[in-house]
Amino acid sequence: MALPTLYTPEEVARKVKVERQTVYHWLSSGRLRGLRVGSTWRITEEDLLQFMTRHSRGKASGAQEKPKTDT
């Protein structure tokens, strides 16, 4: 059985082009699944892909969709 590909929060931040602290926030809030090994986090490639699918089109960075108005 092959081991899953694991990323550090810093590697995830580079891949999705956000600040490292944003990734830590996602992990601590449960938005992004990760494995806690002592005081360090690791994110599987599968969990990262699922997160990106759920939060596609600008939502991954925490951007909120603006409500549509009838103007």
C-alpha atoms as a PDB file:
ATOM      1  CA  MET A   1       0.000   0.000   0.000  1.00  0.00           C
ATOM      2  CA  ALA A   2       1.384   3.397  -1.007  1.00  0.00           C
ATOM      3  CA  LEU A   3       1.528   6.192   1.530  1.00  0.00           C
ATOM      4  CA  PRO A   4      -0.514   9.317   0.718  1.00  0.00           C
ATOM      5  CA  THR A   5       1.227  12.475  -0.413  1.00  0.00           C
ATOM      6  CA  LEU A   6       1.483  14.848   2.554  1.00  0.00           C
ATOM      7  CA  TYR A   7       1.923  18.629   2.430  1.00  0.00           C
ATOM      8  CA  THR A   8       2.950  21.117   5.078  1.00  0.00           C
ATOM      9  CA  PRO A   9       0.774  24.195   5.627  1.00  0.00           C
ATOM     10  CA  GLU A  10       3.533  26.245   3.968  1.00  0.00           C
ATOM     11  CA  GLU A  11       3.391  24.056   0.836  1.00  0.00           C
ATOM     12  CA  VAL A  12      -0.410  24.337   0.724  1.00  0.00           C
ATOM     13  CA  ALA A  13      -0.174  28.130   1.071  1.00  0.00           C
ATOM     14  CA  ARG A  14       2.182  28.305  -1.921  1.00  0.00           C
ATOM     15  CA  LYS A  15      -0.019  26.002  -4.008  1.00  0.00           C
ATOM     16  CA  VAL A  16      -3.233  27.973  -3.431  1.00  0.00           C
ATOM     17  CA  LYS A  17      -1.491  31.361  -3.274  1.00  0.00           C
ATOM     18  CA  VAL A  18      -2.582  32.441   0.202  1.00  0.00           C
ATOM     19  CA  GLU A  19      -0.723  33.402   3.357  1.00  0.00           C
ATOM     20  CA  ARG A  20       0.539  30.587   5.580  1.00  0.00           C
ATOM     21  CA  GLN A  21      -1.591  31.912   8.445  1.00  0.00           C
ATOM     22  CA  THR A  22      -4.725  31.462   6.308  1.00  0.00           C
ATOM     23  CA  VAL A  23      -3.990  27.754   5.961  1.00  0.00           C
ATOM     24  CA  TYR A  24      -3.512  27.461   9.730  1.00  0.00           C
ATOM     25  CA  HIS A  25      -6.871  29.187  10.224  1.00  0.00           C
ATOM     26  CA  TRP A  26      -8.561  26.749   7.818  1.00  0.00           C
ATOM     27  CA  LEU A  27      -7.005  23.833   9.720  1.00  0.00           C
ATOM     28  CA  SER A  28      -7.901  25.057  13.203  1.00  0.00           C
ATOM     29  CA  SER A  29     -11.471  25.916  12.165  1.00  0.00           C
ATOM     30  CA  GLY A  30     -11.995  22.538  10.475  1.00  0.00           C
ATOM     31  CA  ARG A  31     -12.548  23.947   6.986  1.00  0.00           C
ATOM     32  CA  LEU A  32      -9.464  22.058   5.764  1.00  0.00           C
ATOM     33  CA  ARG A  33      -8.849  18.563   7.086  1.00  0.00           C
ATOM     34  CA  GLY A  34      -5.360  17.844   8.297  1.00  0.00           C
ATOM     35  CA  LEU A  35      -3.351  15.474  10.431  1.00  0.00           C
ATOM     36  CA  ARG A  36      -1.860  16.798  13.633  1.00  0.00           C
ATOM     37  CA  VAL A  37       1.520  15.221  14.402  1.00  0.00           C
ATOM     38  CA  GLY A  38       2.696  16.680  17.689  1.00  0.00           C
ATOM     39  CA  SER A  39       2.670  20.412  17.125  1.00  0.00           C
ATOM     40  CA  THR A  40       2.848  20.209  13.321  1.00  0.00           C
ATOM     41  CA  TRP A  41       0.160  19.826  10.681  1.00  0.00           C
ATOM     42  CA  ARG A  42       0.184  17.722   7.532  1.00  0.00           C
ATOM     43  CA  ILE A  43      -2.455  17.801   4.803  1.00  0.00           C
ATOM     44  CA  THR A  44      -3.057  14.875   2.472  1.00  0.00           C
ATOM     45  CA  GLU A  45      -3.319  15.560  -1.232  1.00  0.00           C
ATOM     46  CA  GLU A  46      -6.826  14.079  -1.186  1.00  0.00           C
ATOM     47  CA  ASP A  47      -7.974  16.451   1.584  1.00  0.00           C
ATOM     48  CA  LEU A  48      -6.471  19.424  -0.257  1.00  0.00           C
ATOM     49  CA  LEU A  49      -8.218  18.476  -3.515  1.00  0.00           C
ATOM     50  CA  GLN A  50     -11.556  18.033  -1.712  1.00  0.00           C
ATOM     51  CA  PHE A  51     -11.138  21.417  -0.022  1.00  0.00           C
ATOM     52  CA  MET A  52     -10.323  23.103  -3.328  1.00  0.00           C
ATOM     53  CA  THR A  53     -13.353  21.507  -4.990  1.00  0.00           C
ATOM     54  CA  ARG A  54     -15.675  22.658  -2.188  1.00  0.00           C
ATOM     55  CA  HIS A  55     -14.275  26.196  -2.162  1.00  0.00           C
ATOM     56  CA  SER A  56     -13.632  26.864  -5.832  1.00  0.00           C
ATOM     57  CA  ARG A  57     -14.126  30.178  -7.643  1.00  0.00           C
ATOM     58  CA  GLY A  58     -12.580  32.533  -5.098  1.00  0.00           C
ATOM     59  CA  LYS A  59     -14.179  31.077  -1.979  1.00  0.00           C
ATOM     60  CA  ALA A  60     -10.998  29.262  -0.840  1.00  0.00           C
ATOM     61  CA  SER A  61      -9.309  32.525   0.086  1.00  0.00           C
ATOM     62  CA  GLY A  62     -12.183  33.480   2.337  1.00  0.00           C
ATOM     63  CA  ALA A  63     -13.810  35.831  -0.154  1.00  0.00           C
ATOM     64  CA  GLN A  64     -17.538  36.180   0.343  1.00  0.00           C
ATOM     65  CA  GLU A  65     -19.960  36.335  -2.541  1.00  0.00           C
ATOM     66  CA  LYS A  66     -21.759  39.655  -2.646  1.00  0.00           C
ATOM     67  CA  PRO A  67     -25.543  39.405  -2.604  1.00  0.00           C
ATOM     68  CA  LYS A  68     -27.197  40.270  -5.892  1.00  0.00           C
ATOM     69  CA  THR A  69     -29.322  43.400  -5.898  1.00  0.00           C
ATOM     70  CA  ASP A  70     -32.116  44.427  -8.234  1.00  0.00           C
ATOM     71  CA  THR A  71     -30.696  47.767  -9.314  1.00  0.00           C
END
